[in-house]
Amino acid sequence: MQVFLITFGVFMLVIAAMAIGYIFQRKTISGSCGGLGSVGIEKECDCPEPCDNRKQKLAKEAARRKMLSEHRII
């Protein structure tokens, strides 16, 4: 039980130190390797042509945006 408490305390100290560092530096938290963009993949599936379901979702979203922009009163 003593080992568990010591380990838990060490983890809490590390988490607190990271939180304090984040508060003072005000940087966004990011991965160390830059993610998929660093290896040339622009999207998750990296397919040349989206599937039918994706095309339908994109068409619905485009229609929704068009409708909202046409009905907007300025």
PDB file of N, CA and C in Angstrom:
ATOM      1  N   MET A   1       0.831  -1.194   0.000  1.00  0.00           N
ATOM      2  CA  MET A   1       0.000   0.000   0.000  1.00  0.00           C
ATOM      3  C   MET A   1       0.873   1.254   0.000  1.00  0.00           C
ATOM      4  N   GLN A   2       1.995   1.177   0.661  1.00  0.00           N
ATOM      5  CA  GLN A   2       2.893   2.331   0.733  1.00  0.00           C
ATOM      6  C   GLN A   2       3.458   2.657  -0.649  1.00  0.00           C
ATOM      7  N   VAL A   3       3.795   1.636  -1.434  1.00  0.00           N
ATOM      8  CA  VAL A   3       4.319   1.853  -2.784  1.00  0.00           C
ATOM      9  C   VAL A   3       3.258   2.524  -3.652  1.00  0.00           C
ATOM     10  N   PHE A   4       2.012   2.094  -3.515  1.00  0.00           N
ATOM     11  CA  PHE A   4       0.931   2.703  -4.273  1.00  0.00           C
ATOM     12  C   PHE A   4       0.792   4.180  -3.933  1.00  0.00           C
ATOM     13  N   LEU A   5       0.806   4.525  -2.679  1.00  0.00           N
ATOM     14  CA  LEU A   5       0.654   5.923  -2.272  1.00  0.00           C
ATOM     15  C   LEU A   5       1.822   6.779  -2.758  1.00  0.00           C
ATOM     16  N   ILE A   6       3.023   6.246  -2.686  1.00  0.00           N
ATOM     17  CA  ILE A   6       4.193   6.992  -3.168  1.00  0.00           C
ATOM     18  C   ILE A   6       4.080   7.210  -4.681  1.00  0.00           C
ATOM     19  N   THR A   7       3.720   6.159  -5.411  1.00  0.00           N
ATOM     20  CA  THR A   7       3.563   6.266  -6.861  1.00  0.00           C
ATOM     21  C   THR A   7       2.469   7.257  -7.221  1.00  0.00           C
ATOM     22  N   PHE A   8       1.353   7.186  -6.533  1.00  0.00           N
ATOM     23  CA  PHE A   8       0.253   8.118  -6.770  1.00  0.00           C
ATOM     24  C   PHE A   8       0.698   9.552  -6.502  1.00  0.00           C
ATOM     25  N   GLY A   9       1.439   9.763  -5.425  1.00  0.00           N
ATOM     26  CA  GLY A   9       1.941  11.100  -5.101  1.00  0.00           C
ATOM     27  C   GLY A   9       2.880  11.635  -6.172  1.00  0.00           C
ATOM     28  N   VAL A  10       3.754  10.776  -6.692  1.00  0.00           N
ATOM     29  CA  VAL A  10       4.683  11.197  -7.741  1.00  0.00           C
ATOM     30  C   VAL A  10       3.895  11.593  -9.001  1.00  0.00           C
ATOM     31  N   PHE A  11       2.909  10.796  -9.370  1.00  0.00           N
ATOM     32  CA  PHE A  11       2.104  11.132 -10.539  1.00  0.00           C
ATOM     33  C   PHE A  11       1.362  12.454 -10.334  1.00  0.00           C
ATOM     34  N   MET A  12       0.839  12.684  -9.156  1.00  0.00           N
ATOM     35  CA  MET A  12       0.146  13.939  -8.883  1.00  0.00           C
ATOM     36  C   MET A  12       1.106  15.132  -8.982  1.00  0.00           C
ATOM     37  N   LEU A  13       2.330  14.966  -8.510  1.00  0.00           N
ATOM     38  CA  LEU A  13       3.321  16.038  -8.627  1.00  0.00           C
ATOM     39  C   LEU A  13       3.656  16.333 -10.086  1.00  0.00           C
ATOM     40  N   VAL A  14       3.803  15.298 -10.884  1.00  0.00           N
ATOM     41  CA  VAL A  14       4.109  15.490 -12.307  1.00  0.00           C
ATOM     42  C   VAL A  14       2.944  16.185 -13.009  1.00  0.00           C
ATOM     43  N   ILE A  15       1.726  15.766 -12.728  1.00  0.00           N
ATOM     44  CA  ILE A  15       0.557  16.388 -13.350  1.00  0.00           C
ATOM     45  C   ILE A  15       0.444  17.847 -12.917  1.00  0.00           C
ATOM     46  N   ALA A  16       0.682  18.133 -11.654  1.00  0.00           N
ATOM     47  CA  ALA A  16       0.635  19.511 -11.173  1.00  0.00           C
ATOM     48  C   ALA A  16       1.717  20.361 -11.841  1.00  0.00           C
ATOM     49  N   ALA A  17       2.914  19.813 -12.007  1.00  0.00           N
ATOM     50  CA  ALA A  17       3.990  20.546 -12.669  1.00  0.00           C
ATOM     51  C   ALA A  17       3.635  20.843 -14.126  1.00  0.00           C
ATOM     52  N   MET A  18       3.032  19.873 -14.811  1.00  0.00           N
ATOM     53  CA  MET A  18       2.625  20.112 -16.197  1.00  0.00           C
ATOM     54  C   MET A  18       1.530  21.171 -16.270  1.00  0.00           C
ATOM     55  N   ALA A  19       0.608  21.156 -15.324  1.00  0.00           N
ATOM     56  CA  ALA A  19      -0.467  22.149 -15.312  1.00  0.00           C
ATOM     57  C   ALA A  19       0.086  23.545 -15.064  1.00  0.00           C
ATOM     58  N   ILE A  20       1.013  23.665 -14.143  1.00  0.00           N
ATOM     59  CA  ILE A  20       1.629  24.962 -13.854  1.00  0.00           C
ATOM     60  C   ILE A  20       2.408  25.455 -15.073  1.00  0.00           C
ATOM     61  N   GLY A  21       3.132  24.570 -15.716  1.00  0.00           N
ATOM     62  CA  GLY A  21       3.865  24.947 -16.930  1.00  0.00           C
ATOM     63  C   GLY A  21       2.931  25.412 -18.027  1.00  0.00           C
ATOM     64  N   TYR A  22       1.813  24.748 -18.181  1.00  0.00           N
ATOM     65  CA  TYR A  22       0.830  25.149 -19.195  1.00  0.00           C
ATOM     66  C   TYR A  22       0.245  26.514 -18.864  1.00  0.00           C
ATOM     67  N   ILE A  23      -0.074  26.752 -17.615  1.00  0.00           N
ATOM     68  CA  ILE A  23      -0.672  28.024 -17.212  1.00  0.00           C
ATOM     69  C   ILE A  23       0.284  29.180 -17.488  1.00  0.00           C
ATOM     70  N   PHE A  24       1.561  28.998 -17.198  1.00  0.00           N
ATOM     71  CA  PHE A  24       2.514  30.086 -17.380  1.00  0.00           C
ATOM     72  C   PHE A  24       2.929  30.285 -18.830  1.00  0.00           C
ATOM     73  N   GLN A  25       3.014  29.234 -19.618  1.00  0.00           N
ATOM     74  CA  GLN A  25       3.471  29.372 -20.992  1.00  0.00           C
ATOM     75  C   GLN A  25       2.351  29.701 -21.971  1.00  0.00           C
ATOM     76  N   ARG A  26       1.116  29.348 -21.662  1.00  0.00           N
ATOM     77  CA  ARG A  26      -0.051  29.609 -22.511  1.00  0.00           C
ATOM     78  C   ARG A  26       0.119  29.069 -23.931  1.00  0.00           C
ATOM     79  N   LYS A  27       0.771  27.952 -24.079  1.00  0.00           N
ATOM     80  CA  LYS A  27       0.918  27.308 -25.375  1.00  0.00           C
ATOM     81  C   LYS A  27      -0.142  26.221 -25.497  1.00  0.00           C
ATOM     82  N   THR A  28      -0.528  25.931 -26.731  1.00  0.00           N
ATOM     83  CA  THR A  28      -1.469  24.836 -26.920  1.00  0.00           C
ATOM     84  C   THR A  28      -0.738  23.518 -26.747  1.00  0.00           C
ATOM     85  N   ILE A  29      -1.437  22.552 -26.238  1.00  0.00           N
ATOM     86  CA  ILE A  29      -0.859  21.233 -26.040  1.00  0.00           C
ATOM     87  C   ILE A  29      -0.861  20.525 -27.388  1.00  0.00           C
ATOM     88  N   SER A  30       0.282  19.995 -27.797  1.00  0.00           N
ATOM     89  CA  SER A  30       0.366  19.316 -29.090  1.00  0.00           C
ATOM     90  C   SER A  30       1.274  18.108 -28.974  1.00  0.00           C
ATOM     91  N   GLY A  31       1.156  17.228 -29.920  1.00  0.00           N
ATOM     92  CA  GLY A  31       1.990  16.035 -29.938  1.00  0.00           C
ATOM     93  C   GLY A  31       3.427  16.367 -30.311  1.00  0.00           C
ATOM     94  N   SER A  32       4.314  15.460 -30.045  1.00  0.00           N
ATOM     95  CA  SER A  32       5.724  15.719 -30.299  1.00  0.00           C
ATOM     96  C   SER A  32       6.107  15.526 -31.760  1.00  0.00           C
ATOM     97  N   CYS A  33       5.321  14.770 -32.524  1.00  0.00           N
ATOM     98  CA  CYS A  33       5.719  14.472 -33.900  1.00  0.00           C
ATOM     99  C   CYS A  33       4.915  15.244 -34.933  1.00  0.00           C
ATOM    100  N   GLY A  34       3.953  16.043 -34.556  1.00  0.00           N
ATOM    101  CA  GLY A  34       3.233  16.874 -35.499  1.00  0.00           C
ATOM    102  C   GLY A  34       2.001  16.254 -36.120  1.00  0.00           C
ATOM    103  N   GLY A  35       1.685  15.030 -35.827  1.00  0.00           N
ATOM    104  CA  GLY A  35       0.477  14.406 -36.326  1.00  0.00           C
ATOM    105  C   GLY A  35       0.587  13.934 -37.762  1.00  0.00           C
ATOM    106  N   LEU A  36      -0.567  13.682 -38.375  1.00  0.00           N
ATOM    107  CA  LEU A  36      -0.601  13.138 -39.732  1.00  0.00           C
ATOM    108  C   LEU A  36      -0.121  14.130 -40.776  1.00  0.00           C
ATOM    109  N   GLY A  37      -0.270  15.428 -40.514  1.00  0.00           N
ATOM    110  CA  GLY A  37       0.168  16.432 -41.473  1.00  0.00           C
ATOM    111  C   GLY A  37       1.660  16.401 -41.718  1.00  0.00           C
ATOM    112  N   SER A  38       2.430  15.956 -40.746  1.00  0.00           N
ATOM    113  CA  SER A  38       3.886  15.926 -40.909  1.00  0.00           C
ATOM    114  C   SER A  38       4.352  14.815 -41.842  1.00  0.00           C
ATOM    115  N   VAL A  39       3.503  13.824 -42.095  1.00  0.00           N
ATOM    116  CA  VAL A  39       3.878  12.741 -43.008  1.00  0.00           C
ATOM    117  C   VAL A  39       3.168  12.854 -44.348  1.00  0.00           C
ATOM    118  N   GLY A  40       2.496  13.986 -44.596  1.00  0.00           N
ATOM    119  CA  GLY A  40       1.887  14.236 -45.886  1.00  0.00           C
ATOM    120  C   GLY A  40       0.461  13.767 -46.048  1.00  0.00           C
ATOM    121  N   ILE A  41      -0.190  13.346 -44.975  1.00  0.00           N
ATOM    122  CA  ILE A  41      -1.581  12.902 -45.055  1.00  0.00           C
ATOM    123  C   ILE A  41      -2.460  14.074 -44.633  1.00  0.00           C
ATOM    124  N   GLU A  42      -3.299  14.541 -45.542  1.00  0.00           N
ATOM    125  CA  GLU A  42      -4.123  15.713 -45.282  1.00  0.00           C
ATOM    126  C   GLU A  42      -5.428  15.387 -44.567  1.00  0.00           C
ATOM    127  N   LYS A  43      -5.913  14.162 -44.726  1.00  0.00           N
ATOM    128  CA  LYS A  43      -7.152  13.757 -44.060  1.00  0.00           C
ATOM    129  C   LYS A  43      -6.988  12.342 -43.551  1.00  0.00           C
ATOM    130  N   GLU A  44      -7.930  11.895 -42.748  1.00  0.00           N
ATOM    131  CA  GLU A  44      -7.788  10.610 -42.065  1.00  0.00           C
ATOM    132  C   GLU A  44      -7.734   9.425 -43.017  1.00  0.00           C
ATOM    133  N   CYS A  45      -8.612   9.406 -44.010  1.00  0.00           N
ATOM    134  CA  CYS A  45      -8.654   8.227 -44.874  1.00  0.00           C
ATOM    135  C   CYS A  45      -7.694   8.337 -46.053  1.00  0.00           C
ATOM    136  N   ASP A  46      -7.360   9.559 -46.482  1.00  0.00           N
ATOM    137  CA  ASP A  46      -6.451   9.827 -47.589  1.00  0.00           C
ATOM    138  C   ASP A  46      -6.888   9.133 -48.876  1.00  0.00           C
ATOM    139  N   CYS A  47      -8.197   9.056 -49.081  1.00  0.00           N
ATOM    140  CA  CYS A  47      -8.752   8.452 -50.298  1.00  0.00           C
ATOM    141  C   CYS A  47      -8.819   9.517 -51.394  1.00  0.00           C
ATOM    142  N   PRO A  48      -8.577   9.139 -52.641  1.00  0.00           N
ATOM    143  CA  PRO A  48      -8.679  10.124 -53.716  1.00  0.00           C
ATOM    144  C   PRO A  48     -10.125  10.546 -53.975  1.00  0.00           C
ATOM    145  N   GLU A  49     -11.067   9.660 -53.753  1.00  0.00           N
ATOM    146  CA  GLU A  49     -12.487   9.923 -53.987  1.00  0.00           C
ATOM    147  C   GLU A  49     -13.270   9.509 -52.741  1.00  0.00           C
ATOM    148  N   PRO A  50     -14.069  10.416 -52.145  1.00  0.00           N
ATOM    149  CA  PRO A  50     -14.835  10.039 -50.958  1.00  0.00           C
ATOM    150  C   PRO A  50     -15.923   9.010 -51.283  1.00  0.00           C
ATOM    151  N   CYS A  51     -16.315   8.245 -50.284  1.00  0.00           N
ATOM    152  CA  CYS A  51     -17.361   7.238 -50.475  1.00  0.00           C
ATOM    153  C   CYS A  51     -18.725   7.917 -50.616  1.00  0.00           C
ATOM    154  N   ASP A  52     -19.733   7.138 -50.998  1.00  0.00           N
ATOM    155  CA  ASP A  52     -21.067   7.679 -51.248  1.00  0.00           C
ATOM    156  C   ASP A  52     -21.676   8.322 -50.003  1.00  0.00           C
ATOM    157  N   ASN A  53     -21.499   7.690 -48.847  1.00  0.00           N
ATOM    158  CA  ASN A  53     -22.036   8.253 -47.611  1.00  0.00           C
ATOM    159  C   ASN A  53     -21.415   9.613 -47.317  1.00  0.00           C
ATOM    160  N   ARG A  54     -20.135   9.719 -47.528  1.00  0.00           N
ATOM    161  CA  ARG A  54     -19.432  10.986 -47.279  1.00  0.00           C
ATOM    162  C   ARG A  54     -19.910  12.055 -48.264  1.00  0.00           C
ATOM    163  N   LYS A  55     -20.117  11.679 -49.523  1.00  0.00           N
ATOM    164  CA  LYS A  55     -20.606  12.627 -50.514  1.00  0.00           C
ATOM    165  C   LYS A  55     -21.989  13.154 -50.126  1.00  0.00           C
ATOM    166  N   GLN A  56     -22.850  12.267 -49.610  1.00  0.00           N
ATOM    167  CA  GLN A  56     -24.191  12.692 -49.192  1.00  0.00           C
ATOM    168  C   GLN A  56     -24.109  13.668 -48.018  1.00  0.00           C
ATOM    169  N   LYS A  57     -23.240  13.366 -47.061  1.00  0.00           N
ATOM    170  CA  LYS A  57     -23.076  14.260 -45.913  1.00  0.00           C
ATOM    171  C   LYS A  57     -22.557  15.623 -46.352  1.00  0.00           C
ATOM    172  N   LEU A  58     -21.597  15.633 -47.268  1.00  0.00           N
ATOM    173  CA  LEU A  58     -21.051  16.897 -47.762  1.00  0.00           C
ATOM    174  C   LEU A  58     -22.106  17.689 -48.524  1.00  0.00           C
ATOM    175  N   ALA A  59     -22.942  17.003 -49.322  1.00  0.00           N
ATOM    176  CA  ALA A  59     -23.994  17.675 -50.075  1.00  0.00           C
ATOM    177  C   ALA A  59     -25.036  18.278 -49.134  1.00  0.00           C
ATOM    178  N   LYS A  60     -25.410  17.537 -48.089  1.00  0.00           N
ATOM    179  CA  LYS A  60     -26.373  18.060 -47.116  1.00  0.00           C
ATOM    180  C   LYS A  60     -25.813  19.278 -46.397  1.00  0.00           C
ATOM    181  N   GLU A  61     -24.556  19.220 -46.019  1.00  0.00           N
ATOM    182  CA  GLU A  61     -23.930  20.345 -45.329  1.00  0.00           C
ATOM    183  C   GLU A  61     -23.839  21.564 -46.241  1.00  0.00           C
ATOM    184  N   ALA A  62     -23.504  21.366 -47.511  1.00  0.00           N
ATOM    185  CA  ALA A  62     -23.432  22.475 -48.463  1.00  0.00           C
ATOM    186  C   ALA A  62     -24.817  23.092 -48.666  1.00  0.00           C
ATOM    187  N   ALA A  63     -25.855  22.257 -48.772  1.00  0.00           N
ATOM    188  CA  ALA A  63     -27.218  22.764 -48.942  1.00  0.00           C
ATOM    189  C   ALA A  63     -27.657  23.537 -47.710  1.00  0.00           C
ATOM    190  N   ARG A  64     -27.298  23.044 -46.549  1.00  0.00           N
ATOM    191  CA  ARG A  64     -27.647  23.722 -45.299  1.00  0.00           C
ATOM    192  C   ARG A  64     -26.979  25.092 -45.223  1.00  0.00           C
ATOM    193  N   ARG A  65     -25.701  25.144 -45.587  1.00  0.00           N
ATOM    194  CA  ARG A  65     -24.976  26.423 -45.562  1.00  0.00           C
ATOM    195  C   ARG A  65     -25.559  27.401 -46.573  1.00  0.00           C
ATOM    196  N   LYS A  66     -25.935  26.916 -47.757  1.00  0.00           N
ATOM    197  CA  LYS A  66     -26.520  27.769 -48.786  1.00  0.00           C
ATOM    198  C   LYS A  66     -27.853  28.333 -48.321  1.00  0.00           C
ATOM    199  N   MET A  67     -28.672  27.483 -47.699  1.00  0.00           N
ATOM    200  CA  MET A  67     -29.970  27.920 -47.203  1.00  0.00           C
ATOM    201  C   MET A  67     -29.803  28.979 -46.114  1.00  0.00           C
ATOM    202  N   LEU A  68     -28.867  28.764 -45.217  1.00  0.00           N
ATOM    203  CA  LEU A  68     -28.647  29.729 -44.147  1.00  0.00           C
ATOM    204  C   LEU A  68     -28.132  31.054 -44.691  1.00  0.00           C
ATOM    205  N   SER A  69     -27.244  31.004 -45.685  1.00  0.00           N
ATOM    206  CA  SER A  69     -26.709  32.241 -46.230  1.00  0.00           C
ATOM    207  C   SER A  69     -27.765  33.002 -47.033  1.00  0.00           C
ATOM    208  N   GLU A  70     -28.699  32.305 -47.700  1.00  0.00           N
ATOM    209  CA  GLU A  70     -29.767  32.970 -48.458  1.00  0.00           C
ATOM    210  C   GLU A  70     -30.820  33.601 -47.554  1.00  0.00           C
ATOM    211  N   HIS A  71     -31.067  33.006 -46.395  1.00  0.00           N
ATOM    212  CA  HIS A  71     -32.101  33.492 -45.501  1.00  0.00           C
ATOM    213  C   HIS A  71     -31.587  34.471 -44.473  1.00  0.00           C
ATOM    214  N   ARG A  72     -30.319  34.765 -44.539  1.00  0.00           N
ATOM    215  CA  ARG A  72     -29.728  35.688 -43.569  1.00  0.00           C
ATOM    216  C   ARG A  72     -30.133  37.125 -43.934  1.00  0.00           C
ATOM    217  N   ILE A  73     -30.651  37.847 -42.958  1.00  0.00           N
ATOM    218  CA  ILE A  73     -31.076  39.240 -43.185  1.00  0.00           C
ATOM    219  C   ILE A  73     -29.987  40.157 -42.641  1.00  0.00           C
ATOM    220  N   ILE A  74     -29.478  40.984 -43.522  1.00  0.00           N
ATOM    221  CA  ILE A  74     -28.398  41.897 -43.117  1.00  0.00           C
ATOM    222  C   ILE A  74     -28.876  43.323 -43.245  1.00  0.00           C
TER     223      ILE A  74
END
